[in-house]
C-alpha cells in the first residue's frame, strides 16, 4: 500500500470513528447473536463455484 492510499484509509477510518450513525451500526451488528461460521461460508462458495 503506498503512502497516499494509507493516508486515505486513515482519513476514512477517522471519519467513521466520529460517525454516530456508523457506531450505531456497529453496535447493532455486535448485538446480533446469529453467526455463520467462516468454514460454512467457504463451503457454500466452493459448492456454488463447482456447479
N, C-alpha and C. Protein backbone atom coordinates (compact mmCIF):
# COMPACT_ATOMS: atom_id res chain seq x y z
N UNK A 1 0.86 -1.17 0.00
CA UNK A 1 0.00 0.00 0.00
C UNK A 1 0.91 1.23 0.00
N UNK A 2 0.67 2.15 -0.92
CA UNK A 2 1.50 3.34 -0.96
C UNK A 2 1.05 4.34 0.10
N UNK A 3 1.84 5.36 0.33
CA UNK A 3 1.56 6.34 1.39
C UNK A 3 0.24 7.07 1.18
N UNK A 4 -0.06 7.39 -0.09
CA UNK A 4 -1.30 8.12 -0.37
C UNK A 4 -2.52 7.25 -0.03
N UNK A 5 -2.46 5.99 -0.40
CA UNK A 5 -3.56 5.07 -0.10
C UNK A 5 -3.70 4.90 1.40
N UNK A 6 -2.58 4.76 2.09
CA UNK A 6 -2.61 4.62 3.55
C UNK A 6 -3.18 5.86 4.20
N UNK A 7 -2.81 7.04 3.69
CA UNK A 7 -3.34 8.29 4.23
C UNK A 7 -4.85 8.37 4.03
N UNK A 8 -5.31 7.98 2.83
CA UNK A 8 -6.75 7.98 2.55
C UNK A 8 -7.48 7.04 3.50
N UNK A 9 -6.91 5.86 3.71
CA UNK A 9 -7.53 4.89 4.61
C UNK A 9 -7.61 5.47 6.03
N UNK A 10 -6.53 6.08 6.50
CA UNK A 10 -6.51 6.67 7.83
C UNK A 10 -7.58 7.75 7.98
N UNK A 11 -7.74 8.56 6.95
CA UNK A 11 -8.75 9.62 6.98
C UNK A 11 -10.16 9.03 7.03
N UNK A 12 -10.40 7.99 6.23
CA UNK A 12 -11.72 7.35 6.23
C UNK A 12 -12.01 6.68 7.57
N UNK A 13 -11.00 6.01 8.13
CA UNK A 13 -11.17 5.35 9.43
C UNK A 13 -11.47 6.38 10.50
N UNK A 14 -10.78 7.50 10.49
CA UNK A 14 -11.02 8.55 11.48
C UNK A 14 -12.42 9.13 11.32
N UNK A 15 -12.86 9.32 10.09
CA UNK A 15 -14.21 9.84 9.85
C UNK A 15 -15.27 8.87 10.37
N UNK A 16 -15.06 7.57 10.15
CA UNK A 16 -16.02 6.58 10.63
C UNK A 16 -16.03 6.51 12.15
N UNK A 17 -14.87 6.66 12.77
CA UNK A 17 -14.79 6.66 14.23
C UNK A 17 -15.65 7.76 14.82
N UNK A 18 -15.73 8.88 14.13
CA UNK A 18 -16.50 10.02 14.62
C UNK A 18 -17.96 10.00 14.19
N UNK A 19 -18.37 8.98 13.47
CA UNK A 19 -19.74 8.91 12.94
C UNK A 19 -20.67 8.17 13.91
N UNK A 20 -21.63 8.89 14.46
CA UNK A 20 -22.60 8.27 15.37
C UNK A 20 -23.42 7.21 14.63
N UNK A 21 -23.74 7.47 13.38
CA UNK A 21 -24.53 6.51 12.59
C UNK A 21 -23.74 5.21 12.41
N UNK A 22 -22.47 5.32 12.08
CA UNK A 22 -21.65 4.12 11.89
C UNK A 22 -21.45 3.38 13.21
N UNK A 23 -21.25 4.11 14.29
CA UNK A 23 -21.10 3.47 15.60
C UNK A 23 -22.38 2.73 15.99
N UNK A 24 -23.53 3.31 15.68
CA UNK A 24 -24.81 2.64 15.95
C UNK A 24 -24.91 1.36 15.13
N UNK A 25 -24.51 1.43 13.87
CA UNK A 25 -24.50 0.25 13.00
C UNK A 25 -23.63 -0.85 13.61
N UNK A 26 -22.43 -0.49 14.08
CA UNK A 26 -21.54 -1.48 14.68
C UNK A 26 -22.15 -2.07 15.95
N UNK A 27 -22.77 -1.23 16.77
CA UNK A 27 -23.41 -1.72 17.99
C UNK A 27 -24.51 -2.72 17.66
N UNK A 28 -25.30 -2.43 16.63
CA UNK A 28 -26.37 -3.34 16.22
C UNK A 28 -25.79 -4.66 15.71
N UNK A 29 -24.71 -4.58 14.96
CA UNK A 29 -24.07 -5.80 14.45
C UNK A 29 -23.54 -6.65 15.60
N UNK A 30 -22.95 -6.02 16.59
CA UNK A 30 -22.40 -6.75 17.73
C UNK A 30 -23.50 -7.41 18.56
N UNK A 31 -24.69 -6.79 18.59
CA UNK A 31 -25.80 -7.33 19.37
C UNK A 31 -26.42 -8.55 18.70
N UNK A 32 -26.21 -8.70 17.41
CA UNK A 32 -26.78 -9.83 16.67
C UNK A 32 -26.10 -11.12 17.11
N UNK A 33 -26.91 -12.09 17.53
CA UNK A 33 -26.35 -13.35 18.01
C UNK A 33 -26.26 -14.41 16.91
N UNK A 34 -26.88 -14.14 15.77
CA UNK A 34 -26.82 -15.08 14.66
C UNK A 34 -25.45 -14.99 13.99
N UNK A 35 -24.73 -16.07 14.02
CA UNK A 35 -23.40 -16.10 13.42
C UNK A 35 -23.30 -17.28 12.44
N UNK A 36 -22.62 -17.08 11.34
CA UNK A 36 -22.38 -18.14 10.38
C UNK A 36 -20.87 -18.39 10.39
N UNK A 37 -20.46 -19.60 10.71
CA UNK A 37 -19.02 -19.89 10.73
C UNK A 37 -18.39 -19.66 9.36
N UNK A 38 -17.19 -19.14 9.36
CA UNK A 38 -16.47 -18.86 8.12
C UNK A 38 -16.34 -20.12 7.28
N UNK A 39 -16.11 -21.25 7.93
CA UNK A 39 -15.96 -22.51 7.19
C UNK A 39 -17.23 -22.84 6.41
N UNK A 40 -18.39 -22.54 6.99
CA UNK A 40 -19.66 -22.79 6.31
C UNK A 40 -19.81 -21.89 5.08
N UNK A 41 -19.41 -20.65 5.20
CA UNK A 41 -19.47 -19.73 4.07
C UNK A 41 -18.52 -20.18 2.97
N UNK A 42 -17.30 -20.57 3.36
CA UNK A 42 -16.33 -21.06 2.37
C UNK A 42 -16.85 -22.29 1.64
N UNK A 43 -17.47 -23.22 2.38
CA UNK A 43 -18.01 -24.44 1.77
C UNK A 43 -19.12 -24.09 0.79
N UNK A 44 -19.97 -23.14 1.15
CA UNK A 44 -21.06 -22.73 0.26
C UNK A 44 -20.49 -22.12 -1.03
N UNK A 45 -19.48 -21.29 -0.90
CA UNK A 45 -18.85 -20.67 -2.08
C UNK A 45 -18.26 -21.75 -2.97
N UNK A 46 -17.55 -22.69 -2.36
CA UNK A 46 -16.95 -23.77 -3.14
C UNK A 46 -18.01 -24.59 -3.88
N UNK A 47 -19.13 -24.87 -3.20
CA UNK A 47 -20.23 -25.61 -3.85
C UNK A 47 -20.77 -24.82 -5.04
N UNK A 48 -20.97 -23.53 -4.84
CA UNK A 48 -21.53 -22.70 -5.92
C UNK A 48 -20.56 -22.58 -7.08
N UNK A 49 -19.28 -22.46 -6.80
CA UNK A 49 -18.30 -22.35 -7.88
C UNK A 49 -18.11 -23.68 -8.61
N UNK A 50 -18.39 -24.78 -7.91
CA UNK A 50 -18.22 -26.10 -8.51
C UNK A 50 -19.35 -26.49 -9.44
N UNK A 51 -20.43 -25.74 -9.39
CA UNK A 51 -21.59 -26.08 -10.24
C UNK A 51 -21.41 -25.66 -11.66
